[in-house]
Amino acid sequence: MAWYPGATKMELQPESDDQPAIRPTQFILHSVGAPWTARRLYEFWRDSTNLESHFGLGYGGDLAQYIGTQTRADANYRANLRPDGSGAVSIETASNLEHTDPWTDRQVDRLVEVGVWLHQYHGLPLRVCRSWDEPGYGYHRLFPQWSSGGTACPGDARVGQFHDVVFPAIAARASGRPADPQPGGAAPRTLGEYTDAQTALVPGVWTTLSVNGRTLISGAKAYTATVFLTVTVPAGSTLQGRFYHQRADGSRWNGPIVERIATVGASFVDFTHHGSVSEGETVRFEACYDPPAPGVRDPGTVSTSRARGLYWA
């Protein structure tokens, strides 16, 4: 097992000895939803639950490590330990009860230090995870496979900090280059589009929706967005939706598929995604439906489409 020399060692037992080994490939950032110190987090893991993270970080920058980074910790659902032996390193950070406050300057400093060490010691690649099992860096709500019941953790303010400050600083320091200047506290831009133009959905065929154009977001580094649809298809059909990133060379990255079941009459469905965007990519959305029974080939109709969200340029 590996211990970060910049953290106070507060080893949890029997978890540290009993839990299986992992090959660390990701670093996932959390907010605990309490203004606790690193020691209070240790006491909570020790006395109240058999779930834990590898690290804990207080408001003042006090940092503790509870489990070696080559041993499974349980804060990341399916990312804790995958069938191939890889797993995520996790850090819980003090926050207010509502998960609405930003990380303090001292917290940001320590997050960057741990992130750099994980790159140097374990070889984590300097990129934001683009799928739930891809190596890199991320935050708890980035993928549903990282949370068993869904989560807003670590909160909107900290998601913005992750993309604008924390990860750029990790990448810059680990690669030995100056950090790019970031607009401190830069306000996100608003996505708000609507159309009542009808779009046909052919069974089994993915259709890119046009909501004031096929491109929903361009020129962004990160975004959180939801598409709301009014859809008429045979009752019991499976509606699927996903965001995807279109690249200039014609290739694309597909986001996770979300499914909804259609009801009698019009169905009102929503699809949400949070993601990072590489330079030159645009964000789009597509939908598909599968009939409830073989032989049903009736086309469906999207009668209204709304896109709502925030993005950071």
C-alpha atoms as a PDB file:
ATOM      1  CA  MET A   1       0.000   0.000   0.000  1.00  0.00           C
ATOM      2  CA  ALA A   2       1.108   3.582  -0.590  1.00  0.00           C
ATOM      3  CA  TRP A   3       0.914   6.539   1.793  1.00  0.00           C
ATOM      4  CA  TYR A   4       1.204  10.183   0.707  1.00  0.00           C
ATOM      5  CA  PRO A   5       4.018  11.759   2.757  1.00  0.00           C
ATOM      6  CA  GLY A   6       2.221  15.124   2.950  1.00  0.00           C
ATOM      7  CA  ALA A   7      -0.771  13.716   4.867  1.00  0.00           C
ATOM      8  CA  THR A   8      -1.145  12.724   8.504  1.00  0.00           C
ATOM      9  CA  LYS A   9      -1.526   8.942   8.657  1.00  0.00           C
ATOM     10  CA  MET A  10      -4.701   7.863  10.505  1.00  0.00           C
ATOM     11  CA  GLU A  11      -4.983   4.241   9.471  1.00  0.00           C
ATOM     12  CA  LEU A  12      -8.433   2.668   9.590  1.00  0.00           C
ATOM     13  CA  GLN A  13      -8.541  -0.889  10.838  1.00  0.00           C
ATOM     14  CA  PRO A  14      -9.595  -3.537  10.003  1.00  0.00           C
ATOM     15  CA  GLU A  15     -10.342  -1.988   6.565  1.00  0.00           C
ATOM     16  CA  SER A  16      -6.719  -1.183   5.794  1.00  0.00           C
ATOM     17  CA  ASP A  17      -5.664  -4.837   6.184  1.00  0.00           C
ATOM     18  CA  ASP A  18      -8.849  -6.632   5.111  1.00  0.00           C
ATOM     19  CA  GLN A  19      -9.952  -4.835   1.948  1.00  0.00           C
ATOM     20  CA  PRO A  20      -8.620  -5.989  -1.438  1.00  0.00           C
ATOM     21  CA  ALA A  21      -5.834  -4.367  -3.399  1.00  0.00           C
ATOM     22  CA  ILE A  22      -6.471  -1.983  -6.296  1.00  0.00           C
ATOM     23  CA  ARG A  23      -4.406  -0.525  -9.107  1.00  0.00           C
ATOM     24  CA  PRO A  24      -5.100   3.230  -8.767  1.00  0.00           C
ATOM     25  CA  THR A  25      -6.184   4.844 -12.042  1.00  0.00           C
ATOM     26  CA  GLN A  26      -8.513   7.702 -10.971  1.00  0.00           C
ATOM     27  CA  PHE A  27      -8.753  10.501  -8.410  1.00  0.00           C
ATOM     28  CA  ILE A  28     -12.340  11.391  -7.422  1.00  0.00           C
ATOM     29  CA  LEU A  29     -13.115  14.485  -5.342  1.00  0.00           C
ATOM     30  CA  HIS A  30     -16.016  14.587  -2.842  1.00  0.00           C
ATOM     31  CA  SER A  31     -17.652  16.987  -0.387  1.00  0.00           C
ATOM     32  CA  VAL A  32     -18.708  15.398   2.876  1.00  0.00           C
ATOM     33  CA  GLY A  33     -21.635  17.749   3.590  1.00  0.00           C
ATOM     34  CA  ALA A  34     -20.262  18.701   7.027  1.00  0.00           C
ATOM     35  CA  PRO A  35     -17.702  21.268   8.256  1.00  0.00           C
ATOM     36  CA  TRP A  36     -15.434  18.579   9.705  1.00  0.00           C
ATOM     37  CA  THR A  37     -11.708  18.425  10.239  1.00  0.00           C
ATOM     38  CA  ALA A  38      -9.653  15.569   8.848  1.00  0.00           C
ATOM     39  CA  ARG A  39      -9.573  13.992  12.334  1.00  0.00           C
ATOM     40  CA  ARG A  40     -13.347  14.248  12.736  1.00  0.00           C
ATOM     41  CA  LEU A  41     -13.712  12.485   9.381  1.00  0.00           C
ATOM     42  CA  TYR A  42     -11.426   9.723  10.645  1.00  0.00           C
ATOM     43  CA  GLU A  43     -13.555   9.323  13.759  1.00  0.00           C
ATOM     44  CA  PHE A  44     -16.698   9.133  11.640  1.00  0.00           C
ATOM     45  CA  TRP A  45     -15.249   6.424   9.387  1.00  0.00           C
ATOM     46  CA  ARG A  46     -13.908   4.537  12.425  1.00  0.00           C
ATOM     47  CA  ASP A  47     -16.975   4.697  14.671  1.00  0.00           C
ATOM     48  CA  SER A  48     -20.089   5.127  12.520  1.00  0.00           C
ATOM     49  CA  THR A  49     -19.790   3.327   9.179  1.00  0.00           C
ATOM     50  CA  ASN A  50     -17.796   0.764   7.253  1.00  0.00           C
ATOM     51  CA  LEU A  51     -17.614   3.118   4.263  1.00  0.00           C
ATOM     52  CA  GLU A  52     -14.603   5.374   3.866  1.00  0.00           C
ATOM     53  CA  SER A  53     -12.444   7.444   1.541  1.00  0.00           C
ATOM     54  CA  HIS A  54      -8.685   7.302   1.191  1.00  0.00           C
ATOM     55  CA  PHE A  55      -8.150  10.929   2.255  1.00  0.00           C
ATOM     56  CA  GLY A  56      -9.937  13.564   4.314  1.00  0.00           C
ATOM     57  CA  LEU A  57      -9.433  17.333   4.036  1.00  0.00           C
ATOM     58  CA  GLY A  58     -10.579  20.052   6.431  1.00  0.00           C
ATOM     59  CA  TYR A  59     -11.346  23.677   5.676  1.00  0.00           C
ATOM     60  CA  GLY A  60      -7.945  24.791   6.961  1.00  0.00           C
ATOM     61  CA  GLY A  61      -5.982  22.418   4.750  1.00  0.00           C
ATOM     62  CA  ASP A  62      -5.548  19.703   7.408  1.00  0.00           C
ATOM     63  CA  LEU A  63      -5.087  16.508   5.409  1.00  0.00           C
ATOM     64  CA  ALA A  64      -5.225  12.908   6.619  1.00  0.00           C
ATOM     65  CA  GLN A  65      -4.943   9.544   4.879  1.00  0.00           C
ATOM     66  CA  TYR A  66      -6.963   6.594   6.207  1.00  0.00           C
ATOM     67  CA  ILE A  67      -6.352   3.840   3.650  1.00  0.00           C
ATOM     68  CA  GLY A  68      -3.327   3.206   1.446  1.00  0.00           C
ATOM     69  CA  THR A  69      -3.915   4.209  -2.146  1.00  0.00           C
ATOM     70  CA  GLN A  70      -3.342   0.645  -3.343  1.00  0.00           C
ATOM     71  CA  THR A  71      -6.173  -0.651  -1.128  1.00  0.00           C
ATOM     72  CA  ARG A  72      -9.866  -0.341  -1.951  1.00  0.00           C
ATOM     73  CA  ALA A  73     -11.893   2.418  -0.244  1.00  0.00           C
ATOM     74  CA  ASP A  74     -15.661   2.511  -0.542  1.00  0.00           C
ATOM     75  CA  ALA A  75     -16.650   6.066  -1.460  1.00  0.00           C
ATOM     76  CA  ASN A  76     -17.048   5.612  -5.221  1.00  0.00           C
ATOM     77  CA  TYR A  77     -19.579   2.793  -5.788  1.00  0.00           C
ATOM     78  CA  ARG A  78     -18.581   0.848  -8.926  1.00  0.00           C
ATOM     79  CA  ALA A  79     -15.285   2.739  -9.229  1.00  0.00           C
ATOM     80  CA  ASN A  80     -14.011   1.381  -5.888  1.00  0.00           C
ATOM     81  CA  LEU A  81     -12.708  -1.818  -7.487  1.00  0.00           C
ATOM     82  CA  ARG A  82     -13.338  -2.935 -11.069  1.00  0.00           C
ATOM     83  CA  PRO A  83     -13.062  -6.478 -12.452  1.00  0.00           C
ATOM     84  CA  ASP A  84      -9.695  -5.627 -14.036  1.00  0.00           C
ATOM     85  CA  GLY A  85      -8.266  -4.685 -10.625  1.00  0.00           C
ATOM     86  CA  SER A  86      -8.274  -0.922 -11.210  1.00  0.00           C
ATOM     87  CA  GLY A  87      -9.935   1.467  -8.791  1.00  0.00           C
ATOM     88  CA  ALA A  88     -10.336   5.080  -7.748  1.00  0.00           C
ATOM     89  CA  VAL A  89      -8.560   7.054  -5.038  1.00  0.00           C
ATOM     90  CA  SER A  90     -11.057   9.222  -3.160  1.00  0.00           C
ATOM     91  CA  ILE A  91     -10.884  12.347  -1.014  1.00  0.00           C
ATOM     92  CA  GLU A  92     -13.662  13.735   1.194  1.00  0.00           C
ATOM     93  CA  THR A  93     -13.498  17.485   1.789  1.00  0.00           C
ATOM     94  CA  ALA A  94     -15.180  19.609   4.435  1.00  0.00           C
ATOM     95  CA  SER A  95     -18.146  21.633   3.177  1.00  0.00           C
ATOM     96  CA  ASN A  96     -21.281  23.281   4.440  1.00  0.00           C
ATOM     97  CA  LEU A  97     -24.372  21.146   4.964  1.00  0.00           C
ATOM     98  CA  GLU A  98     -25.891  22.083   1.593  1.00  0.00           C
ATOM     99  CA  HIS A  99     -22.815  21.417  -0.585  1.00  0.00           C
ATOM    100  CA  THR A 100     -22.987  25.021  -1.847  1.00  0.00           C
ATOM    101  CA  ASP A 101     -19.694  26.579  -0.739  1.00  0.00           C
ATOM    102  CA  PRO A 102     -16.454  26.625  -2.745  1.00  0.00           C
ATOM    103  CA  TRP A 103     -13.249  24.993  -1.572  1.00  0.00           C
ATOM    104  CA  THR A 104     -11.072  27.309   0.490  1.00  0.00           C
ATOM    105  CA  ASP A 105      -7.697  28.403  -0.838  1.00  0.00           C
ATOM    106  CA  ARG A 106      -5.966  25.955   1.521  1.00  0.00           C
ATOM    107  CA  GLN A 107      -8.209  23.129   0.358  1.00  0.00           C
ATOM    108  CA  VAL A 108      -7.417  23.928  -3.259  1.00  0.00           C
ATOM    109  CA  ASP A 109      -3.685  23.885  -2.496  1.00  0.00           C
ATOM    110  CA  ARG A 110      -3.883  20.455  -0.872  1.00  0.00           C
ATOM    111  CA  LEU A 111      -6.094  18.984  -3.611  1.00  0.00           C
ATOM    112  CA  VAL A 112      -3.528  20.066  -6.172  1.00  0.00           C
ATOM    113  CA  GLU A 113      -0.665  18.602  -4.120  1.00  0.00           C
ATOM    114  CA  VAL A 114      -2.381  15.205  -3.798  1.00  0.00           C
ATOM    115  CA  GLY A 115      -3.358  15.246  -7.468  1.00  0.00           C
ATOM    116  CA  VAL A 116       0.242  15.879  -8.532  1.00  0.00           C
ATOM    117  CA  TRP A 117       1.544  13.117  -6.248  1.00  0.00           C
ATOM    118  CA  LEU A 118      -0.946  10.616  -7.686  1.00  0.00           C
ATOM    119  CA  HIS A 119       0.306  11.426 -11.177  1.00  0.00           C
ATOM    120  CA  GLN A 120       3.937  11.110 -10.161  1.00  0.00           C
ATOM    121  CA  TYR A 121       3.602   8.022  -7.951  1.00  0.00           C
ATOM    122  CA  HIS A 122       0.812   6.039  -9.620  1.00  0.00           C
ATOM    123  CA  GLY A 123       0.974   7.421 -13.160  1.00  0.00           C
ATOM    124  CA  LEU A 124      -2.561   8.846 -13.333  1.00  0.00           C
ATOM    125  CA  PRO A 125      -2.860  10.531 -16.736  1.00  0.00           C
ATOM    126  CA  LEU A 126      -3.324  14.298 -16.722  1.00  0.00           C
ATOM    127  CA  ARG A 127      -6.863  14.413 -18.102  1.00  0.00           C
ATOM    128  CA  VAL A 128     -10.428  14.648 -16.871  1.00  0.00           C
ATOM    129  CA  CYS A 129     -12.168  11.256 -16.994  1.00  0.00           C
ATOM    130  CA  ARG A 130     -14.366  10.986 -20.078  1.00  0.00           C
ATOM    131  CA  SER A 131     -16.081   7.787 -19.027  1.00  0.00           C
ATOM    132  CA  TRP A 132     -16.681   6.204 -15.629  1.00  0.00           C
ATOM    133  CA  ASP A 133     -13.848   3.701 -16.050  1.00  0.00           C
ATOM    134  CA  GLU A 134     -11.328   5.839 -17.980  1.00  0.00           C
ATOM    135  CA  PRO A 135      -8.183   6.778 -16.014  1.00  0.00           C
ATOM    136  CA  GLY A 136      -7.864  10.394 -14.934  1.00  0.00           C
ATOM    137  CA  TYR A 137      -9.357  12.961 -12.569  1.00  0.00           C
ATOM    138  CA  GLY A 138     -12.971  13.734 -11.701  1.00  0.00           C
ATOM    139  CA  TYR A 139     -15.570  14.597  -9.067  1.00  0.00           C
ATOM    140  CA  HIS A 140     -18.290  12.454  -7.512  1.00  0.00           C
ATOM    141  CA  ARG A 141     -21.307  13.444  -9.603  1.00  0.00           C
ATOM    142  CA  LEU A 142     -19.467  13.249 -12.915  1.00  0.00           C
ATOM    143  CA  PHE A 143     -20.737   9.723 -13.677  1.00  0.00           C
ATOM    144  CA  PRO A 144     -23.714   7.781 -12.246  1.00  0.00           C
ATOM    145  CA  GLN A 145     -21.534   4.684 -11.852  1.00  0.00           C
ATOM    146  CA  TRP A 146     -19.645   6.567  -9.133  1.00  0.00           C
ATOM    147  CA  SER A 147     -22.709   6.975  -6.861  1.00  0.00           C
ATOM    148  CA  SER A 148     -25.246   4.286  -5.956  1.00  0.00           C
ATOM    149  CA  GLY A 149     -28.173   6.639  -5.349  1.00  0.00           C
ATOM    150  CA  GLY A 150     -27.295   9.681  -7.459  1.00  0.00           C
ATOM    151  CA  THR A 151     -25.602  12.734  -5.992  1.00  0.00           C
ATOM    152  CA  ALA A 152     -24.980  16.457  -6.462  1.00  0.00           C
ATOM    153  CA  CYS A 153     -21.601  16.137  -4.686  1.00  0.00           C
ATOM    154  CA  PRO A 154     -19.398  18.147  -4.574  1.00  0.00           C
ATOM    155  CA  GLY A 155     -21.812  20.982  -5.524  1.00  0.00           C
ATOM    156  CA  ASP A 156     -21.951  23.443  -8.411  1.00  0.00           C
ATOM    157  CA  ALA A 157     -19.388  25.878  -6.978  1.00  0.00           C
ATOM    158  CA  ARG A 158     -16.780  23.154  -6.550  1.00  0.00           C
ATOM    159  CA  VAL A 159     -17.452  21.614  -9.948  1.00  0.00           C
ATOM    160  CA  GLY A 160     -16.670  25.021 -11.431  1.00  0.00           C
ATOM    161  CA  GLN A 161     -13.489  25.241  -9.341  1.00  0.00           C
ATOM    162  CA  PHE A 162     -12.446  21.774 -10.438  1.00  0.00           C
ATOM    163  CA  HIS A 163     -12.595  22.720 -14.113  1.00  0.00           C
ATOM    164  CA  ASP A 164     -11.336  26.306 -13.788  1.00  0.00           C
ATOM    165  CA  VAL A 165      -8.709  26.035 -11.038  1.00  0.00           C
ATOM    166  CA  VAL A 166      -7.983  22.632  -9.467  1.00  0.00           C
ATOM    167  CA  PHE A 167      -7.427  20.361 -12.444  1.00  0.00           C
ATOM    168  CA  PRO A 168      -5.590  22.978 -14.564  1.00  0.00           C
ATOM    169  CA  ALA A 169      -3.226  23.538 -11.614  1.00  0.00           C
ATOM    170  CA  ILE A 170      -2.631  19.788 -11.200  1.00  0.00           C
ATOM    171  CA  ALA A 171      -1.887  19.394 -14.899  1.00  0.00           C
ATOM    172  CA  ALA A 172       0.378  22.449 -14.995  1.00  0.00           C
ATOM    173  CA  ARG A 173       2.386  21.605 -11.894  1.00  0.00           C
ATOM    174  CA  ALA A 174       2.730  17.906 -12.733  1.00  0.00           C
ATOM    175  CA  SER A 175       3.950  18.705 -16.248  1.00  0.00           C
ATOM    176  CA  GLY A 176       6.336  21.401 -15.060  1.00  0.00           C
ATOM    177  CA  ARG A 177       4.748  24.338 -16.864  1.00  0.00           C
ATOM    178  CA  PRO A 178       3.190  27.562 -15.526  1.00  0.00           C
ATOM    179  CA  ALA A 179      -0.516  27.362 -14.862  1.00  0.00           C
ATOM    180  CA  ASP A 180      -2.700  29.075 -17.423  1.00  0.00           C
ATOM    181  CA  PRO A 181      -4.353  32.153 -15.902  1.00  0.00           C
ATOM    182  CA  GLN A 182      -7.887  31.272 -14.914  1.00  0.00           C
ATOM    183  CA  PRO A 183     -10.708  33.801 -14.463  1.00  0.00           C
ATOM    184  CA  GLY A 184     -11.172  33.632 -10.693  1.00  0.00           C
ATOM    185  CA  GLY A 185     -14.827  33.152  -9.914  1.00  0.00           C
ATOM    186  CA  ALA A 186     -15.768  33.364 -13.597  1.00  0.00           C
ATOM    187  CA  ALA A 187     -19.541  33.217 -13.963  1.00  0.00           C
ATOM    188  CA  PRO A 188     -20.908  30.398 -16.102  1.00  0.00           C
ATOM    189  CA  ARG A 189     -22.872  31.123 -19.242  1.00  0.00           C
ATOM    190  CA  THR A 190     -26.492  30.070 -19.517  1.00  0.00           C
ATOM    191  CA  LEU A 191     -27.930  27.535 -21.952  1.00  0.00           C
ATOM    192  CA  GLY A 192     -31.622  28.174 -22.602  1.00  0.00           C
ATOM    193  CA  GLU A 193     -33.144  27.022 -25.864  1.00  0.00           C
ATOM    194  CA  TYR A 194     -36.661  25.924 -26.867  1.00  0.00           C
ATOM    195  CA  THR A 195     -38.408  24.711 -30.001  1.00  0.00           C
ATOM    196  CA  ASP A 196     -41.823  23.291 -30.786  1.00  0.00           C
ATOM    197  CA  ALA A 197     -40.725  22.121 -34.236  1.00  0.00           C
ATOM    198  CA  GLN A 198     -41.658  18.466 -34.584  1.00  0.00           C
ATOM    199  CA  THR A 199     -38.993  15.812 -35.079  1.00  0.00           C
ATOM    200  CA  ALA A 200     -39.744  12.245 -36.154  1.00  0.00           C
ATOM    201  CA  LEU A 201     -38.151   9.357 -34.268  1.00  0.00           C
ATOM    202  CA  VAL A 202     -37.705   6.205 -36.318  1.00  0.00           C
ATOM    203  CA  PRO A 203     -37.584   3.059 -34.146  1.00  0.00           C
ATOM    204  CA  GLY A 204     -34.030   1.969 -33.427  1.00  0.00           C
ATOM    205  CA  VAL A 205     -32.410   4.993 -35.086  1.00  0.00           C
ATOM    206  CA  TRP A 206     -30.513   7.697 -33.201  1.00  0.00           C
ATOM    207  CA  THR A 207     -31.720  11.168 -34.217  1.00  0.00           C
ATOM    208  CA  THR A 208     -29.844  14.364 -33.375  1.00  0.00           C
ATOM    209  CA  LEU A 209     -32.294  16.989 -32.175  1.00  0.00           C
ATOM    210  CA  SER A 210     -32.210  20.574 -33.346  1.00  0.00           C
ATOM    211  CA  VAL A 211     -32.984  23.089 -30.597  1.00  0.00           C
ATOM    212  CA  ASN A 212     -32.074  26.359 -32.310  1.00  0.00           C
ATOM    213  CA  GLY A 213     -29.576  24.300 -34.290  1.00  0.00           C
ATOM    214  CA  ARG A 214     -27.977  20.901 -33.791  1.00  0.00           C
ATOM    215  CA  THR A 215     -25.169  22.355 -31.667  1.00  0.00           C
ATOM    216  CA  LEU A 216     -26.327  23.087 -28.110  1.00  0.00           C
ATOM    217  CA  ILE A 217     -22.983  24.354 -26.737  1.00  0.00           C
ATOM    218  CA  SER A 218     -19.782  25.499 -28.404  1.00  0.00           C
ATOM    219  CA  GLY A 219     -16.624  27.115 -27.065  1.00  0.00           C
ATOM    220  CA  ALA A 220     -17.010  25.509 -23.628  1.00  0.00           C
ATOM    221  CA  LYS A 221     -14.575  23.789 -21.277  1.00  0.00           C
ATOM    222  CA  ALA A 222     -17.248  22.244 -19.050  1.00  0.00           C
ATOM    223  CA  TYR A 223     -21.007  22.125 -18.771  1.00  0.00           C
ATOM    224  CA  THR A 224     -23.992  20.785 -16.874  1.00  0.00           C
ATOM    225  CA  ALA A 225     -27.118  20.533 -19.019  1.00  0.00           C
ATOM    226  CA  THR A 226     -30.559  18.930 -19.218  1.00  0.00           C
ATOM    227  CA  VAL A 227     -32.720  18.316 -22.271  1.00  0.00           C
ATOM    228  CA  PHE A 228     -36.490  18.149 -21.653  1.00  0.00           C
ATOM    229  CA  LEU A 229     -38.641  16.512 -24.344  1.00  0.00           C
ATOM    230  CA  THR A 230     -42.318  15.998 -25.045  1.00  0.00           C
ATOM    231  CA  VAL A 231     -42.462  12.700 -26.932  1.00  0.00           C
ATOM    232  CA  THR A 232     -45.322  10.634 -28.337  1.00  0.00           C
ATOM    233  CA  VAL A 233     -44.507   6.971 -28.978  1.00  0.00           C
ATOM    234  CA  PRO A 234     -46.385   3.728 -28.258  1.00  0.00           C
ATOM    235  CA  ALA A 235     -46.923   3.251 -24.514  1.00  0.00           C
ATOM    236  CA  GLY A 236     -44.268   1.020 -22.965  1.00  0.00           C
ATOM    237  CA  SER A 237     -41.592   2.013 -25.469  1.00  0.00           C
ATOM    238  CA  THR A 238     -38.070   2.648 -24.184  1.00  0.00           C
ATOM    239  CA  LEU A 239     -36.877   6.187 -24.823  1.00  0.00           C
ATOM    240  CA  GLN A 240     -33.131   6.712 -24.852  1.00  0.00           C
ATOM    241  CA  GLY A 241     -31.144   9.924 -24.861  1.00  0.00           C
ATOM    242  CA  ARG A 242     -27.483  10.903 -24.704  1.00  0.00           C
ATOM    243  CA  PHE A 243     -25.256  13.931 -25.087  1.00  0.00           C
ATOM    244  CA  TYR A 244     -22.315  13.620 -27.450  1.00  0.00           C
ATOM    245  CA  HIS A 245     -19.332  15.743 -28.414  1.00  0.00           C
ATOM    246  CA  GLN A 246     -18.805  16.369 -32.123  1.00  0.00           C
ATOM    247  CA  ARG A 247     -15.203  16.885 -33.182  1.00  0.00           C
ATOM    248  CA  ALA A 248     -14.029  18.969 -36.133  1.00  0.00           C
ATOM    249  CA  ASP A 249     -12.626  15.886 -37.893  1.00  0.00           C
ATOM    250  CA  GLY A 250     -16.062  14.226 -37.926  1.00  0.00           C
ATOM    251  CA  SER A 251     -15.390  11.811 -35.064  1.00  0.00           C
ATOM    252  CA  ARG A 252     -17.313  12.011 -31.813  1.00  0.00           C
ATOM    253  CA  TRP A 253     -17.380  11.057 -28.144  1.00  0.00           C
ATOM    254  CA  ASN A 254     -20.632   9.518 -26.890  1.00  0.00           C
ATOM    255  CA  GLY A 255     -21.895  10.218 -23.406  1.00  0.00           C
ATOM    256  CA  PRO A 256     -23.748   7.660 -21.270  1.00  0.00           C
ATOM    257  CA  ILE A 257     -27.200   6.535 -22.441  1.00  0.00           C
ATOM    258  CA  VAL A 258     -30.132   7.345 -20.158  1.00  0.00           C
ATOM    259  CA  GLU A 259     -33.424   5.456 -20.536  1.00  0.00           C
ATOM    260  CA  ARG A 260     -37.035   6.415 -19.838  1.00  0.00           C
ATOM    261  CA  ILE A 261     -40.237   4.400 -20.288  1.00  0.00           C
ATOM    262  CA  ALA A 262     -43.038   6.022 -22.318  1.00  0.00           C
ATOM    263  CA  THR A 263     -46.553   6.352 -20.924  1.00  0.00           C
ATOM    264  CA  VAL A 264     -49.952   6.521 -22.631  1.00  0.00           C
ATOM    265  CA  GLY A 265     -50.246   9.722 -24.671  1.00  0.00           C
ATOM    266  CA  ALA A 266     -47.419  12.235 -24.539  1.00  0.00           C
ATOM    267  CA  SER A 267     -44.443  11.479 -22.301  1.00  0.00           C
ATOM    268  CA  PHE A 268     -42.434  14.213 -20.607  1.00  0.00           C
ATOM    269  CA  VAL A 269     -38.845  13.044 -20.217  1.00  0.00           C
ATOM    270  CA  ASP A 270     -35.532  14.599 -19.219  1.00  0.00           C
ATOM    271  CA  PHE A 271     -31.883  13.712 -19.758  1.00  0.00           C
ATOM    272  CA  THR A 272     -29.010  15.288 -17.803  1.00  0.00           C
ATOM    273  CA  HIS A 273     -25.252  15.186 -18.254  1.00  0.00           C
ATOM    274  CA  HIS A 274     -22.219  16.904 -16.698  1.00  0.00           C
ATOM    275  CA  GLY A 275     -19.016  16.878 -18.684  1.00  0.00           C
ATOM    276  CA  SER A 276     -15.791  18.476 -19.782  1.00  0.00           C
ATOM    277  CA  VAL A 277     -15.186  19.535 -23.375  1.00  0.00           C
ATOM    278  CA  SER A 278     -11.948  19.399 -25.338  1.00  0.00           C
ATOM    279  CA  GLU A 279     -10.895  22.261 -27.615  1.00  0.00           C
ATOM    280  CA  GLY A 280     -12.827  22.302 -30.883  1.00  0.00           C
ATOM    281  CA  GLU A 281     -15.652  20.026 -29.710  1.00  0.00           C
ATOM    282  CA  THR A 282     -19.326  21.021 -29.725  1.00  0.00           C
ATOM    283  CA  VAL A 283     -22.030  19.494 -27.539  1.00  0.00           C
ATOM    284  CA  ARG A 284     -25.094  17.906 -29.129  1.00  0.00           C
ATOM    285  CA  PHE A 285     -27.973  15.651 -28.053  1.00  0.00           C
ATOM    286  CA  GLU A 286     -29.614  12.680 -29.725  1.00  0.00           C
ATOM    287  CA  ALA A 287     -32.613  10.461 -28.952  1.00  0.00           C
ATOM    288  CA  CYS A 288     -33.871   7.041 -29.964  1.00  0.00           C
ATOM    289  CA  TYR A 289     -36.774   4.775 -29.101  1.00  0.00           C
ATOM    290  CA  ASP A 290     -37.373   1.024 -29.048  1.00  0.00           C
ATOM    291  CA  PRO A 291     -40.963  -0.222 -29.484  1.00  0.00           C
ATOM    292  CA  PRO A 292     -42.621  -2.203 -26.680  1.00  0.00           C
ATOM    293  CA  ALA A 293     -43.124  -5.329 -28.831  1.00  0.00           C
ATOM    294  CA  PRO A 294     -41.650  -6.907 -31.973  1.00  0.00           C
ATOM    295  CA  GLY A 295     -43.302  -5.766 -35.158  1.00  0.00           C
ATOM    296  CA  VAL A 296     -44.325  -2.347 -33.858  1.00  0.00           C
ATOM    297  CA  ARG A 297     -42.762   0.153 -36.233  1.00  0.00           C
ATOM    298  CA  ASP A 298     -44.865   3.266 -35.646  1.00  0.00           C
ATOM    299  CA  PRO A 299     -42.712   6.408 -35.841  1.00  0.00           C
ATOM    300  CA  GLY A 300     -42.558   8.580 -32.776  1.00  0.00           C
ATOM    301  CA  THR A 301     -42.702  12.355 -32.558  1.00  0.00           C
ATOM    302  CA  VAL A 302     -40.808  14.867 -30.466  1.00  0.00           C
ATOM    303  CA  SER A 303     -43.150  17.827 -30.260  1.00  0.00           C
ATOM    304  CA  THR A 304     -41.233  20.144 -27.909  1.00  0.00           C
ATOM    305  CA  SER A 305     -37.558  20.309 -26.960  1.00  0.00           C
ATOM    306  CA  ARG A 306     -35.931  22.405 -24.258  1.00  0.00           C
ATOM    307  CA  ALA A 307     -32.244  22.635 -23.381  1.00  0.00           C
ATOM    308  CA  ARG A 308     -31.313  24.193 -20.050  1.00  0.00           C
ATOM    309  CA  GLY A 309     -27.995  24.404 -18.246  1.00  0.00           C
ATOM    310  CA  LEU A 310     -24.742  26.195 -17.486  1.00  0.00           C
ATOM    311  CA  TYR A 311     -21.384  26.063 -19.218  1.00  0.00           C
ATOM    312  CA  TRP A 312     -17.948  27.482 -18.592  1.00  0.00           C
ATOM    313  CA  ALA A 313     -16.038  28.980 -21.498  1.00  0.00           C
END
